[in-house]
């Protein structure tokens, strides 16, 4: 697993380390993460779990919980997740065109509670105009930041001046499908934890 460390890191500049490994196995091996985490967990189709929604929900919740359990005090986990609409199993709901709304913000919040983390802030990222109706997935994405609750109030602080942006923001240009958009530096400044 290649790990890239910069030669020197200034105390006032964040460090970026890229790990090339299977993420859940890598996280499991870590006693604690060295810094904060920005992630987007795979969608149900990326894990080939279509039709196995209960299995996907369990995987998603346990993986989000694992990531938050590995936070050190003062670090944050930021999740960028889009809900999906899934067709129920054959025969349920009378066989009509009903969908289950798979709410990933709920699953992340559930995982955060289990991991002893607190929601620090939340943004809604619009994927299209507000008057657009999407069939397969909602026209917005959740961006949620959690901090580790250690009982020390100073561990859950962040400088709100750096997050002084609207609660609802446009997505921006996608570099390729299923990836966070390009202009995130406008939403999450590089000097934020």
C-alpha atoms as a PDB file:
ATOM      1  CA  UNK A   1       0.000   0.000   0.000  1.00  0.00           C
ATOM      2  CA  UNK A   2       1.761   3.181  -1.094  1.00  0.00           C
ATOM      3  CA  UNK A   3       1.621   6.075   1.344  1.00  0.00           C
ATOM      4  CA  UNK A   4       2.765   9.527   0.282  1.00  0.00           C
ATOM      5  CA  UNK A   5       4.110  11.906   2.922  1.00  0.00           C
ATOM      6  CA  UNK A   6       5.192  15.468   2.122  1.00  0.00           C
ATOM      7  CA  UNK A   7       8.797  16.363   2.956  1.00  0.00           C
ATOM      8  CA  UNK A   8       7.755  19.006   5.479  1.00  0.00           C
ATOM      9  CA  UNK A   9       4.411  20.267   6.645  1.00  0.00           C
ATOM     10  CA  UNK A  10       3.955  23.747   8.048  1.00  0.00           C
ATOM     11  CA  UNK A  11       2.061  23.810  11.335  1.00  0.00           C
ATOM     12  CA  UNK A  12      -0.607  26.097   9.874  1.00  0.00           C
ATOM     13  CA  UNK A  13      -1.152  24.041   6.706  1.00  0.00           C
ATOM     14  CA  UNK A  14      -3.050  20.771   6.535  1.00  0.00           C
ATOM     15  CA  UNK A  15      -1.328  17.640   5.352  1.00  0.00           C
ATOM     16  CA  UNK A  16      -2.774  15.445   2.634  1.00  0.00           C
ATOM     17  CA  UNK A  17      -1.931  11.763   2.662  1.00  0.00           C
ATOM     18  CA  UNK A  18      -3.267   9.352   0.042  1.00  0.00           C
ATOM     19  CA  UNK A  19      -3.577   5.672   0.978  1.00  0.00           C
ATOM     20  CA  UNK A  20      -4.118   3.157  -1.815  1.00  0.00           C
ATOM     21  CA  UNK A  21      -5.847   0.228  -0.117  1.00  0.00           C
ATOM     22  CA  UNK A  22      -9.229  -1.401   0.429  1.00  0.00           C
ATOM     23  CA  UNK A  23     -10.750   1.268   2.682  1.00  0.00           C
ATOM     24  CA  UNK A  24     -12.656  -0.824   5.240  1.00  0.00           C
ATOM     25  CA  UNK A  25      -9.701  -3.156   5.829  1.00  0.00           C
ATOM     26  CA  UNK A  26      -7.343  -0.175   6.087  1.00  0.00           C
ATOM     27  CA  UNK A  27      -9.608   1.646   8.550  1.00  0.00           C
ATOM     28  CA  UNK A  28      -9.971  -1.486  10.662  1.00  0.00           C
ATOM     29  CA  UNK A  29      -6.166  -1.714  11.006  1.00  0.00           C
ATOM     30  CA  UNK A  30      -5.764   1.895  12.170  1.00  0.00           C
ATOM     31  CA  UNK A  31      -5.784   2.564  15.919  1.00  0.00           C
ATOM     32  CA  UNK A  32      -6.808   6.191  15.224  1.00  0.00           C
ATOM     33  CA  UNK A  33      -6.788   8.464  12.172  1.00  0.00           C
ATOM     34  CA  UNK A  34      -4.058  11.118  12.110  1.00  0.00           C
ATOM     35  CA  UNK A  35      -6.445  13.830  10.946  1.00  0.00           C
ATOM     36  CA  UNK A  36      -9.907  14.541   9.645  1.00  0.00           C
ATOM     37  CA  UNK A  37     -11.712  12.531   6.994  1.00  0.00           C
ATOM     38  CA  UNK A  38     -13.640  13.612   3.883  1.00  0.00           C
ATOM     39  CA  UNK A  39     -15.392  10.713   2.230  1.00  0.00           C
ATOM     40  CA  UNK A  40     -18.269   9.524   0.098  1.00  0.00           C
ATOM     41  CA  UNK A  41     -19.202   5.899   0.740  1.00  0.00           C
ATOM     42  CA  UNK A  42     -20.030   3.761  -2.323  1.00  0.00           C
ATOM     43  CA  UNK A  43     -23.570   3.623  -3.630  1.00  0.00           C
ATOM     44  CA  UNK A  44     -25.590   0.394  -3.598  1.00  0.00           C
ATOM     45  CA  UNK A  45     -24.913  -0.260  -7.309  1.00  0.00           C
ATOM     46  CA  UNK A  46     -21.146   0.142  -6.803  1.00  0.00           C
ATOM     47  CA  UNK A  47     -21.240  -2.765  -4.324  1.00  0.00           C
ATOM     48  CA  UNK A  48     -23.545  -4.907  -6.504  1.00  0.00           C
ATOM     49  CA  UNK A  49     -26.153  -4.995  -3.733  1.00  0.00           C
ATOM     50  CA  UNK A  50     -29.225  -3.970  -5.747  1.00  0.00           C
ATOM     51  CA  UNK A  51     -32.200  -5.831  -4.316  1.00  0.00           C
ATOM     52  CA  UNK A  52     -30.311  -6.338  -1.033  1.00  0.00           C
ATOM     53  CA  UNK A  53     -31.171  -3.026   0.592  1.00  0.00           C
ATOM     54  CA  UNK A  54     -31.039  -4.350   4.170  1.00  0.00           C
ATOM     55  CA  UNK A  55     -27.527  -5.714   3.593  1.00  0.00           C
ATOM     56  CA  UNK A  56     -26.448  -2.404   2.053  1.00  0.00           C
ATOM     57  CA  UNK A  57     -27.892  -0.361   4.940  1.00  0.00           C
ATOM     58  CA  UNK A  58     -26.028  -2.531   7.455  1.00  0.00           C
ATOM     59  CA  UNK A  59     -22.753  -2.243   5.492  1.00  0.00           C
ATOM     60  CA  UNK A  60     -23.181   1.519   5.060  1.00  0.00           C
ATOM     61  CA  UNK A  61     -23.974   2.173   8.738  1.00  0.00           C
ATOM     62  CA  UNK A  62     -21.184  -0.052  10.060  1.00  0.00           C
ATOM     63  CA  UNK A  63     -18.629   1.481   7.673  1.00  0.00           C
ATOM     64  CA  UNK A  64     -19.618   5.058   8.583  1.00  0.00           C
ATOM     65  CA  UNK A  65     -19.489   4.099  12.289  1.00  0.00           C
ATOM     66  CA  UNK A  66     -16.025   2.563  11.837  1.00  0.00           C
ATOM     67  CA  UNK A  67     -14.748   5.758  10.189  1.00  0.00           C
ATOM     68  CA  UNK A  68     -16.087   7.930  13.009  1.00  0.00           C
ATOM     69  CA  UNK A  69     -14.827   5.598  15.750  1.00  0.00           C
ATOM     70  CA  UNK A  70     -11.310   6.105  14.370  1.00  0.00           C
ATOM     71  CA  UNK A  71     -11.410   9.919  14.745  1.00  0.00           C
ATOM     72  CA  UNK A  72      -9.038  11.484  17.231  1.00  0.00           C
ATOM     73  CA  UNK A  73     -10.352  14.244  19.528  1.00  0.00           C
ATOM     74  CA  UNK A  74     -10.679  17.499  17.608  1.00  0.00           C
ATOM     75  CA  UNK A  75     -10.862  15.750  14.205  1.00  0.00           C
ATOM     76  CA  UNK A  76     -13.906  15.686  11.948  1.00  0.00           C
ATOM     77  CA  UNK A  77     -15.513  13.281   9.490  1.00  0.00           C
ATOM     78  CA  UNK A  78     -17.254  14.911   6.535  1.00  0.00           C
ATOM     79  CA  UNK A  79     -19.602  12.743   4.495  1.00  0.00           C
ATOM     80  CA  UNK A  80     -20.832  13.695   1.014  1.00  0.00           C
ATOM     81  CA  UNK A  81     -23.724  11.338   0.255  1.00  0.00           C
ATOM     82  CA  UNK A  82     -26.692  11.268  -2.109  1.00  0.00           C
ATOM     83  CA  UNK A  83     -29.865   9.414  -1.223  1.00  0.00           C
ATOM     84  CA  UNK A  84     -31.263   6.930  -3.701  1.00  0.00           C
ATOM     85  CA  UNK A  85     -34.668   5.554  -4.552  1.00  0.00           C
ATOM     86  CA  UNK A  86     -34.788   1.776  -4.807  1.00  0.00           C
ATOM     87  CA  UNK A  87     -37.509  -0.511  -6.078  1.00  0.00           C
ATOM     88  CA  UNK A  88     -38.933  -2.759  -3.360  1.00  0.00           C
ATOM     89  CA  UNK A  89     -38.723  -6.535  -3.647  1.00  0.00           C
ATOM     90  CA  UNK A  90     -41.212  -8.138  -6.050  1.00  0.00           C
ATOM     91  CA  UNK A  91     -44.611  -8.641  -4.502  1.00  0.00           C
ATOM     92  CA  UNK A  92     -44.306  -5.918  -1.883  1.00  0.00           C
ATOM     93  CA  UNK A  93     -46.520  -2.825  -1.961  1.00  0.00           C
ATOM     94  CA  UNK A  94     -48.926  -4.580  -4.359  1.00  0.00           C
ATOM     95  CA  UNK A  95     -46.353  -4.729  -7.184  1.00  0.00           C
ATOM     96  CA  UNK A  96     -46.867  -1.082  -8.197  1.00  0.00           C
ATOM     97  CA  UNK A  97     -44.229   1.511  -9.034  1.00  0.00           C
ATOM     98  CA  UNK A  98     -43.416   2.299  -5.403  1.00  0.00           C
ATOM     99  CA  UNK A  99     -39.921   3.198  -4.344  1.00  0.00           C
ATOM    100  CA  UNK A 100     -38.118   3.144  -1.042  1.00  0.00           C
ATOM    101  CA  UNK A 101     -36.234   6.357  -0.324  1.00  0.00           C
ATOM    102  CA  UNK A 102     -32.885   5.189   1.024  1.00  0.00           C
ATOM    103  CA  UNK A 103     -31.936   8.116   3.298  1.00  0.00           C
ATOM    104  CA  UNK A 104     -28.171   8.096   3.750  1.00  0.00           C
ATOM    105  CA  UNK A 105     -28.236  11.108   6.090  1.00  0.00           C
ATOM    106  CA  UNK A 106     -30.286   8.986   8.502  1.00  0.00           C
ATOM    107  CA  UNK A 107     -27.835   6.081   8.216  1.00  0.00           C
ATOM    108  CA  UNK A 108     -24.861   8.396   8.836  1.00  0.00           C
ATOM    109  CA  UNK A 109     -26.594  10.024  11.817  1.00  0.00           C
ATOM    110  CA  UNK A 110     -27.377   6.578  13.230  1.00  0.00           C
ATOM    111  CA  UNK A 111     -23.719   5.580  12.812  1.00  0.00           C
ATOM    112  CA  UNK A 112     -22.573   8.841  14.428  1.00  0.00           C
ATOM    113  CA  UNK A 113     -24.746   8.223  17.476  1.00  0.00           C
ATOM    114  CA  UNK A 114     -23.336   4.698  17.802  1.00  0.00           C
ATOM    115  CA  UNK A 115     -19.759   6.054  17.467  1.00  0.00           C
ATOM    116  CA  UNK A 116     -20.256   8.838  20.015  1.00  0.00           C
ATOM    117  CA  UNK A 117     -20.010  11.635  17.452  1.00  0.00           C
ATOM    118  CA  UNK A 118     -21.918  14.907  17.181  1.00  0.00           C
ATOM    119  CA  UNK A 119     -23.224  16.649  14.064  1.00  0.00           C
ATOM    120  CA  UNK A 120     -21.212  19.881  13.718  1.00  0.00           C
ATOM    121  CA  UNK A 121     -22.801  21.230  10.534  1.00  0.00           C
ATOM    122  CA  UNK A 122     -24.830  20.164   7.546  1.00  0.00           C
ATOM    123  CA  UNK A 123     -25.158  21.537   4.025  1.00  0.00           C
ATOM    124  CA  UNK A 124     -27.492  20.632   1.187  1.00  0.00           C
ATOM    125  CA  UNK A 125     -25.772  20.532  -2.198  1.00  0.00           C
ATOM    126  CA  UNK A 126     -28.175  21.030  -5.119  1.00  0.00           C
ATOM    127  CA  UNK A 127     -27.485  18.778  -8.100  1.00  0.00           C
ATOM    128  CA  UNK A 128     -29.949  20.616 -10.314  1.00  0.00           C
ATOM    129  CA  UNK A 129     -32.422  23.493 -10.237  1.00  0.00           C
ATOM    130  CA  UNK A 130     -34.922  23.453  -7.398  1.00  0.00           C
ATOM    131  CA  UNK A 131     -37.865  22.950  -9.763  1.00  0.00           C
ATOM    132  CA  UNK A 132     -36.344  19.774 -11.269  1.00  0.00           C
ATOM    133  CA  UNK A 133     -37.950  16.384 -10.608  1.00  0.00           C
ATOM    134  CA  UNK A 134     -35.521  13.455 -10.632  1.00  0.00           C
ATOM    135  CA  UNK A 135     -36.795   9.901 -10.952  1.00  0.00           C
ATOM    136  CA  UNK A 136     -33.889   7.720  -9.724  1.00  0.00           C
ATOM    137  CA  UNK A 137     -32.326   9.941  -7.107  1.00  0.00           C
ATOM    138  CA  UNK A 138     -33.087  13.211  -5.352  1.00  0.00           C
ATOM    139  CA  UNK A 139     -31.825  16.469  -6.832  1.00  0.00           C
ATOM    140  CA  UNK A 140     -29.656  17.163  -3.780  1.00  0.00           C
ATOM    141  CA  UNK A 141     -26.786  15.684  -1.806  1.00  0.00           C
ATOM    142  CA  UNK A 142     -26.095  15.743   1.934  1.00  0.00           C
ATOM    143  CA  UNK A 143     -22.779  17.123   3.186  1.00  0.00           C
ATOM    144  CA  UNK A 144     -22.497  16.448   6.912  1.00  0.00           C
ATOM    145  CA  UNK A 145     -19.648  17.079   9.342  1.00  0.00           C
ATOM    146  CA  UNK A 146     -19.313  15.124  12.599  1.00  0.00           C
ATOM    147  CA  UNK A 147     -16.909  15.567  15.514  1.00  0.00           C
ATOM    148  CA  UNK A 148     -15.867  13.035  18.125  1.00  0.00           C
ATOM    149  CA  UNK A 149     -17.650  13.631  21.448  1.00  0.00           C
ATOM    150  CA  UNK A 150     -15.092  12.865  24.158  1.00  0.00           C
ATOM    151  CA  UNK A 151     -16.849  14.743  26.962  1.00  0.00           C
ATOM    152  CA  UNK A 152     -14.437  17.674  26.535  1.00  0.00           C
ATOM    153  CA  UNK A 153     -16.348  20.593  24.920  1.00  0.00           C
ATOM    154  CA  UNK A 154     -13.153  21.933  23.320  1.00  0.00           C
ATOM    155  CA  UNK A 155     -12.885  18.736  21.234  1.00  0.00           C
ATOM    156  CA  UNK A 156     -16.120  19.654  19.469  1.00  0.00           C
ATOM    157  CA  UNK A 157     -15.217  23.187  18.494  1.00  0.00           C
ATOM    158  CA  UNK A 158     -14.363  24.578  15.108  1.00  0.00           C
ATOM    159  CA  UNK A 159     -13.986  28.113  13.863  1.00  0.00           C
ATOM    160  CA  UNK A 160     -17.449  28.893  12.478  1.00  0.00           C
ATOM    161  CA  UNK A 161     -16.023  31.797  10.463  1.00  0.00           C
ATOM    162  CA  UNK A 162     -14.536  29.258   8.058  1.00  0.00           C
ATOM    163  CA  UNK A 163     -17.922  27.627   7.503  1.00  0.00           C
ATOM    164  CA  UNK A 164     -19.811  30.838   6.933  1.00  0.00           C
ATOM    165  CA  UNK A 165     -21.416  29.742   3.698  1.00  0.00           C
ATOM    166  CA  UNK A 166     -25.050  29.176   2.743  1.00  0.00           C
ATOM    167  CA  UNK A 167     -26.810  26.067   4.012  1.00  0.00           C
ATOM    168  CA  UNK A 168     -27.873  25.265   0.441  1.00  0.00           C
ATOM    169  CA  UNK A 169     -25.158  25.439  -2.218  1.00  0.00           C
ATOM    170  CA  UNK A 170     -24.923  24.540  -5.916  1.00  0.00           C
ATOM    171  CA  UNK A 171     -22.996  21.394  -6.776  1.00  0.00           C
ATOM    172  CA  UNK A 172     -20.715  22.724  -9.475  1.00  0.00           C
ATOM    173  CA  UNK A 173     -19.142  20.808 -12.322  1.00  0.00           C
ATOM    174  CA  UNK A 174     -18.659  17.051 -11.919  1.00  0.00           C
ATOM    175  CA  UNK A 175     -15.267  15.754 -13.066  1.00  0.00           C
ATOM    176  CA  UNK A 176     -16.806  12.300 -13.599  1.00  0.00           C
ATOM    177  CA  UNK A 177     -19.910  10.504 -12.257  1.00  0.00           C
ATOM    178  CA  UNK A 178     -19.992   9.443  -8.596  1.00  0.00           C
ATOM    179  CA  UNK A 179     -17.317  11.861  -7.373  1.00  0.00           C
ATOM    180  CA  UNK A 180     -17.539  14.987  -5.266  1.00  0.00           C
ATOM    181  CA  UNK A 181     -17.646  18.187  -7.323  1.00  0.00           C
ATOM    182  CA  UNK A 182     -14.686  20.345  -8.205  1.00  0.00           C
ATOM    183  CA  UNK A 183     -15.326  23.607  -6.313  1.00  0.00           C
ATOM    184  CA  UNK A 184     -15.390  22.152  -2.784  1.00  0.00           C
ATOM    185  CA  UNK A 185     -12.631  24.538  -1.723  1.00  0.00           C
ATOM    186  CA  UNK A 186     -15.328  27.232  -1.790  1.00  0.00           C
ATOM    187  CA  UNK A 187     -17.379  25.264   0.734  1.00  0.00           C
ATOM    188  CA  UNK A 188     -14.654  23.681   2.873  1.00  0.00           C
ATOM    189  CA  UNK A 189     -11.638  25.985   3.135  1.00  0.00           C
ATOM    190  CA  UNK A 190      -8.213  24.373   3.071  1.00  0.00           C
ATOM    191  CA  UNK A 191      -7.380  25.759   6.525  1.00  0.00           C
ATOM    192  CA  UNK A 192     -10.417  24.165   8.182  1.00  0.00           C
ATOM    193  CA  UNK A 193      -9.933  21.061  10.330  1.00  0.00           C
END
